[in-house]
Amino acid sequence: MFIHMFAFRWRPNVTVDQKKRVAIEINALQGQIPGLLETFVGENVSSRGQGYELGGMMKFTDRASLDNYGPHPAHQKLLAWLMPLIDPIEIDFEVVQPKLPYNSQTTS
């Protein structure tokens, strides 16, 4: 499983309606992008957010799904009007399941 995380700083003069549309349109990608399992978007409530006001996370089934997300037509359509509104940061990573340091079965 792969995670795509993002956060946006708004550029000057972005309206409240534009900000609402961003969240709606990102959530609308769910069901359009193969391998996109879950999408979460919300306003940043952290006092350590460094000016990033909107954040989100998307969960993908595998690396191929994540890689296909970027050039997907639905994503490109979103980016066409979104990019002039934001200063973004993105992080993508594979979810690694930790191995337990012990045998979970007990012996008597």
N, C-alpha and C. Protein backbone atom coordinates (compact mmCIF):
# COMPACT_ATOMS: atom_id res chain seq x y z
N MET A 1 0.84 -1.17 0.00
CA MET A 1 0.00 0.00 0.00
C MET A 1 0.90 1.24 0.00
N PHE A 2 0.45 2.27 -0.74
CA PHE A 2 1.20 3.52 -0.82
C PHE A 2 0.31 4.68 -0.41
N ILE A 3 0.92 5.66 0.25
CA ILE A 3 0.23 6.86 0.72
C ILE A 3 0.76 8.07 -0.02
N HIS A 4 -0.16 8.92 -0.46
CA HIS A 4 0.16 10.21 -1.07
C HIS A 4 -0.40 11.27 -0.12
N MET A 5 0.50 12.08 0.44
CA MET A 5 0.08 13.16 1.35
C MET A 5 0.39 14.49 0.69
N PHE A 6 -0.46 15.47 0.97
CA PHE A 6 -0.26 16.80 0.39
C PHE A 6 -0.76 17.87 1.35
N ALA A 7 -0.20 19.06 1.18
CA ALA A 7 -0.66 20.23 1.93
C ALA A 7 -0.51 21.44 1.01
N PHE A 8 -1.43 22.38 1.17
CA PHE A 8 -1.45 23.56 0.31
C PHE A 8 -1.42 24.84 1.13
N ARG A 9 -0.60 25.76 0.68
CA ARG A 9 -0.71 27.17 1.10
C ARG A 9 -1.47 27.85 -0.02
N TRP A 10 -2.42 28.69 0.33
CA TRP A 10 -3.19 29.40 -0.68
C TRP A 10 -2.42 30.61 -1.18
N ARG A 11 -2.49 30.85 -2.45
CA ARG A 11 -1.90 32.06 -3.03
C ARG A 11 -2.83 33.23 -2.72
N PRO A 12 -2.32 34.47 -2.81
CA PRO A 12 -3.17 35.64 -2.53
C PRO A 12 -4.42 35.66 -3.42
N ASN A 13 -5.48 36.15 -2.87
CA ASN A 13 -6.75 36.38 -3.58
C ASN A 13 -7.54 35.12 -3.89
N VAL A 14 -7.20 33.99 -3.30
CA VAL A 14 -8.01 32.78 -3.47
C VAL A 14 -9.28 32.97 -2.63
N THR A 15 -10.43 32.73 -3.23
CA THR A 15 -11.70 32.96 -2.55
C THR A 15 -12.12 31.75 -1.71
N VAL A 16 -13.06 31.97 -0.82
CA VAL A 16 -13.62 30.89 -0.01
C VAL A 16 -14.27 29.85 -0.91
N ASP A 17 -14.97 30.28 -1.93
CA ASP A 17 -15.61 29.34 -2.85
C ASP A 17 -14.58 28.48 -3.58
N GLN A 18 -13.47 29.06 -3.98
CA GLN A 18 -12.41 28.28 -4.63
C GLN A 18 -11.84 27.25 -3.66
N LYS A 19 -11.63 27.65 -2.41
CA LYS A 19 -11.11 26.72 -1.40
C LYS A 19 -12.07 25.55 -1.19
N LYS A 20 -13.36 25.82 -1.15
CA LYS A 20 -14.35 24.76 -0.99
C LYS A 20 -14.34 23.83 -2.20
N ARG A 21 -14.22 24.41 -3.39
CA ARG A 21 -14.20 23.61 -4.62
C ARG A 21 -13.00 22.65 -4.62
N VAL A 22 -11.86 23.11 -4.12
CA VAL A 22 -10.67 22.27 -4.09
C VAL A 22 -10.95 20.98 -3.32
N ALA A 23 -11.50 21.11 -2.12
CA ALA A 23 -11.78 19.93 -1.30
C ALA A 23 -12.80 19.03 -1.98
N ILE A 24 -13.84 19.61 -2.57
CA ILE A 24 -14.87 18.83 -3.25
C ILE A 24 -14.29 18.07 -4.43
N GLU A 25 -13.48 18.75 -5.23
CA GLU A 25 -12.92 18.13 -6.44
C GLU A 25 -11.89 17.04 -6.10
N ILE A 26 -11.11 17.26 -5.05
CA ILE A 26 -10.15 16.22 -4.65
C ILE A 26 -10.90 14.98 -4.19
N ASN A 27 -11.92 15.17 -3.37
CA ASN A 27 -12.72 14.02 -2.92
C ASN A 27 -13.42 13.33 -4.09
N ALA A 28 -13.76 14.08 -5.12
CA ALA A 28 -14.45 13.52 -6.29
C ALA A 28 -13.55 12.61 -7.12
N LEU A 29 -12.24 12.65 -6.89
CA LEU A 29 -11.33 11.75 -7.60
C LEU A 29 -11.56 10.29 -7.18
N GLN A 30 -12.11 10.12 -5.97
CA GLN A 30 -12.42 8.78 -5.49
C GLN A 30 -13.41 8.13 -6.45
N GLY A 31 -13.08 6.96 -6.94
CA GLY A 31 -13.93 6.27 -7.89
C GLY A 31 -13.55 6.52 -9.34
N GLN A 32 -12.74 7.54 -9.59
CA GLN A 32 -12.28 7.84 -10.95
C GLN A 32 -10.87 7.32 -11.21
N ILE A 33 -10.08 7.16 -10.16
CA ILE A 33 -8.69 6.77 -10.29
C ILE A 33 -8.55 5.30 -9.87
N PRO A 34 -8.17 4.42 -10.79
CA PRO A 34 -8.00 3.02 -10.43
C PRO A 34 -6.94 2.85 -9.33
N GLY A 35 -7.28 2.04 -8.34
CA GLY A 35 -6.34 1.77 -7.25
C GLY A 35 -6.36 2.78 -6.12
N LEU A 36 -7.15 3.85 -6.25
CA LEU A 36 -7.29 4.84 -5.17
C LEU A 36 -8.34 4.31 -4.20
N LEU A 37 -7.88 3.91 -3.02
CA LEU A 37 -8.76 3.26 -2.05
C LEU A 37 -9.50 4.22 -1.14
N GLU A 38 -8.81 5.25 -0.67
CA GLU A 38 -9.41 6.21 0.26
C GLU A 38 -8.83 7.59 0.01
N THR A 39 -9.65 8.61 0.28
CA THR A 39 -9.22 10.00 0.14
C THR A 39 -9.72 10.78 1.35
N PHE A 40 -8.82 11.56 1.94
CA PHE A 40 -9.16 12.41 3.08
C PHE A 40 -8.65 13.82 2.81
N VAL A 41 -9.47 14.82 3.03
CA VAL A 41 -9.09 16.22 2.82
C VAL A 41 -9.68 17.05 3.95
N GLY A 42 -8.90 18.00 4.48
CA GLY A 42 -9.44 18.85 5.53
C GLY A 42 -8.57 20.06 5.80
N GLU A 43 -9.14 21.00 6.54
CA GLU A 43 -8.41 22.19 6.93
C GLU A 43 -7.39 21.85 8.01
N ASN A 44 -6.21 22.43 7.89
CA ASN A 44 -5.15 22.20 8.87
C ASN A 44 -5.53 22.89 10.19
N VAL A 45 -5.45 22.17 11.28
CA VAL A 45 -5.75 22.73 12.60
C VAL A 45 -4.50 22.82 13.47
N SER A 46 -3.35 22.44 12.92
CA SER A 46 -2.11 22.45 13.69
C SER A 46 -1.54 23.86 13.81
N SER A 47 -1.05 24.18 14.99
CA SER A 47 -0.37 25.46 15.19
C SER A 47 1.05 25.43 14.61
N ARG A 48 1.50 24.25 14.19
CA ARG A 48 2.83 24.09 13.60
C ARG A 48 2.76 23.89 12.08
N GLY A 49 1.67 24.31 11.46
CA GLY A 49 1.42 24.04 10.06
C GLY A 49 2.20 24.86 9.06
N GLN A 50 3.02 25.80 9.50
CA GLN A 50 3.89 26.60 8.65
C GLN A 50 3.15 27.25 7.48
N GLY A 51 1.91 27.64 7.72
CA GLY A 51 1.14 28.34 6.69
C GLY A 51 0.36 27.44 5.76
N TYR A 52 0.51 26.11 5.88
CA TYR A 52 -0.27 25.20 5.05
C TYR A 52 -1.67 25.10 5.64
N GLU A 53 -2.65 25.46 4.85
CA GLU A 53 -4.02 25.57 5.36
C GLU A 53 -4.92 24.39 5.03
N LEU A 54 -4.59 23.64 3.99
CA LEU A 54 -5.39 22.48 3.61
C LEU A 54 -4.46 21.29 3.47
N GLY A 55 -4.90 20.15 3.97
CA GLY A 55 -4.08 18.96 3.86
C GLY A 55 -4.92 17.77 3.46
N GLY A 56 -4.23 16.74 3.01
CA GLY A 56 -4.96 15.55 2.64
C GLY A 56 -4.06 14.34 2.50
N MET A 57 -4.74 13.20 2.35
CA MET A 57 -4.05 11.93 2.24
C MET A 57 -4.87 11.03 1.34
N MET A 58 -4.16 10.30 0.47
CA MET A 58 -4.80 9.33 -0.40
C MET A 58 -4.09 7.99 -0.22
N LYS A 59 -4.87 6.92 -0.17
CA LYS A 59 -4.31 5.58 -0.02
C LYS A 59 -4.49 4.82 -1.33
N PHE A 60 -3.36 4.29 -1.85
CA PHE A 60 -3.37 3.54 -3.10
C PHE A 60 -3.01 2.08 -2.85
N THR A 61 -3.54 1.20 -3.69
CA THR A 61 -3.31 -0.23 -3.53
C THR A 61 -1.84 -0.61 -3.68
N ASP A 62 -1.14 0.05 -4.63
CA ASP A 62 0.23 -0.33 -4.92
C ASP A 62 0.96 0.83 -5.62
N ARG A 63 2.24 0.62 -5.87
CA ARG A 63 3.07 1.66 -6.49
C ARG A 63 2.58 2.01 -7.89
N ALA A 64 2.15 1.00 -8.65
CA ALA A 64 1.66 1.26 -10.00
C ALA A 64 0.44 2.17 -9.98
N SER A 65 -0.46 1.98 -9.04
CA SER A 65 -1.64 2.84 -8.92
C SER A 65 -1.24 4.27 -8.59
N LEU A 66 -0.30 4.42 -7.66
CA LEU A 66 0.20 5.75 -7.31
C LEU A 66 0.86 6.41 -8.52
N ASP A 67 1.69 5.66 -9.23
CA ASP A 67 2.37 6.21 -10.40
C ASP A 67 1.39 6.60 -11.51
N ASN A 68 0.30 5.87 -11.65
CA ASN A 68 -0.70 6.17 -12.68
C ASN A 68 -1.61 7.33 -12.30
N TYR A 69 -1.65 7.68 -11.02
CA TYR A 69 -2.48 8.78 -10.54
C TYR A 69 -2.03 10.12 -11.14
N GLY A 70 -0.74 10.38 -11.13
CA GLY A 70 -0.22 11.66 -11.61
C GLY A 70 -0.68 12.04 -13.01
N PRO A 71 -0.48 11.17 -14.00
CA PRO A 71 -0.88 11.51 -15.36
C PRO A 71 -2.34 11.21 -15.70
N HIS A 72 -3.10 10.68 -14.76
CA HIS A 72 -4.50 10.33 -15.05
C HIS A 72 -5.27 11.59 -15.50
N PRO A 73 -6.12 11.49 -16.52
CA PRO A 73 -6.85 12.65 -17.03
C PRO A 73 -7.67 13.40 -15.97
N ALA A 74 -8.29 12.69 -15.03
CA ALA A 74 -9.07 13.36 -13.98
C ALA A 74 -8.17 14.21 -13.08
N HIS A 75 -6.99 13.70 -12.78
CA HIS A 75 -6.03 14.44 -11.95
C HIS A 75 -5.49 15.64 -12.73
N GLN A 76 -5.17 15.44 -14.00
CA GLN A 76 -4.65 16.53 -14.82
C GLN A 76 -5.68 17.65 -14.99
N LYS A 77 -6.94 17.28 -15.11
CA LYS A 77 -8.02 18.27 -15.21
C LYS A 77 -8.09 19.12 -13.94
N LEU A 78 -7.95 18.47 -12.79
CA LEU A 78 -7.93 19.17 -11.51
C LEU A 78 -6.73 20.11 -11.43
N LEU A 79 -5.56 19.60 -11.78
CA LEU A 79 -4.34 20.41 -11.69
C LEU A 79 -4.38 21.65 -12.57
N ALA A 80 -5.07 21.57 -13.70
CA ALA A 80 -5.11 22.68 -14.65
C ALA A 80 -5.63 23.97 -14.00
N TRP A 81 -6.62 23.87 -13.15
CA TRP A 81 -7.13 25.08 -12.50
C TRP A 81 -6.64 25.23 -11.05
N LEU A 82 -6.17 24.13 -10.45
CA LEU A 82 -5.73 24.17 -9.05
C LEU A 82 -4.34 24.80 -8.87
N MET A 83 -3.39 24.46 -9.70
CA MET A 83 -2.01 24.88 -9.49
C MET A 83 -1.83 26.41 -9.37
N PRO A 84 -2.55 27.22 -10.12
CA PRO A 84 -2.38 28.67 -9.93
C PRO A 84 -2.86 29.18 -8.56
N LEU A 85 -3.60 28.35 -7.82
CA LEU A 85 -4.16 28.77 -6.53
C LEU A 85 -3.31 28.40 -5.33
N ILE A 86 -2.32 27.52 -5.52
CA ILE A 86 -1.65 26.92 -4.36
C ILE A 86 -0.14 26.93 -4.46
N ASP A 87 0.46 26.81 -3.27
CA ASP A 87 1.87 26.50 -3.11
C ASP A 87 1.86 25.14 -2.38
N PRO A 88 2.08 24.03 -3.11
CA PRO A 88 1.90 22.71 -2.51
C PRO A 88 3.19 22.07 -2.01
N ILE A 89 3.00 21.10 -1.14
CA ILE A 89 4.05 20.16 -0.76
C ILE A 89 3.42 18.78 -0.81
N GLU A 90 4.20 17.79 -1.26
CA GLU A 90 3.69 16.43 -1.38
C GLU A 90 4.72 15.44 -0.85
N ILE A 91 4.21 14.37 -0.29
CA ILE A 91 5.05 13.27 0.19
C ILE A 91 4.36 11.97 -0.19
N ASP A 92 5.10 11.06 -0.78
CA ASP A 92 4.58 9.73 -1.13
C ASP A 92 5.46 8.69 -0.44
N PHE A 93 4.84 7.67 0.11
CA PHE A 93 5.63 6.61 0.75
C PHE A 93 4.88 5.30 0.77
N GLU A 94 5.66 4.23 0.88
CA GLU A 94 5.09 2.90 1.02
C GLU A 94 4.85 2.63 2.50
N VAL A 95 3.70 2.06 2.79
CA VAL A 95 3.40 1.68 4.17
C VAL A 95 4.11 0.37 4.45
N VAL A 96 4.96 0.39 5.43
CA VAL A 96 5.73 -0.79 5.80
C VAL A 96 5.16 -1.34 7.11
N GLN A 97 4.77 -2.59 7.07
CA GLN A 97 4.24 -3.23 8.27
C GLN A 97 5.41 -3.68 9.13
N PRO A 98 5.49 -3.21 10.36
CA PRO A 98 6.61 -3.62 11.21
C PRO A 98 6.55 -5.10 11.56
N LYS A 99 7.72 -5.69 11.63
CA LYS A 99 7.80 -7.08 12.07
C LYS A 99 7.92 -7.08 13.58
N LEU A 100 7.15 -7.94 14.18
CA LEU A 100 7.20 -8.03 15.63
C LEU A 100 8.55 -8.60 16.07
N PRO A 101 9.12 -8.03 17.12
CA PRO A 101 10.45 -8.50 17.56
C PRO A 101 10.40 -9.79 18.37
N TYR A 102 9.22 -10.38 18.45
CA TYR A 102 9.08 -11.57 19.24
C TYR A 102 8.09 -12.51 18.55
N ASN A 103 8.09 -13.73 18.96
CA ASN A 103 7.13 -14.71 18.48
C ASN A 103 5.84 -14.49 19.23
N SER A 104 4.75 -14.28 18.51
CA SER A 104 3.48 -13.98 19.16
C SER A 104 2.85 -15.19 19.85
N GLN A 105 3.38 -16.36 19.60
CA GLN A 105 2.85 -17.54 20.26
C GLN A 105 3.66 -17.81 21.52
N THR A 106 2.96 -18.10 22.57
CA THR A 106 3.64 -18.39 23.84
C THR A 106 3.86 -19.88 23.99
N THR A 107 4.90 -20.22 24.70
CA THR A 107 5.17 -21.63 24.99
C THR A 107 5.10 -21.84 26.49
N SER A 108 4.68 -23.00 26.86
CA SER A 108 4.55 -23.31 28.30
C SER A 108 5.63 -24.24 28.74
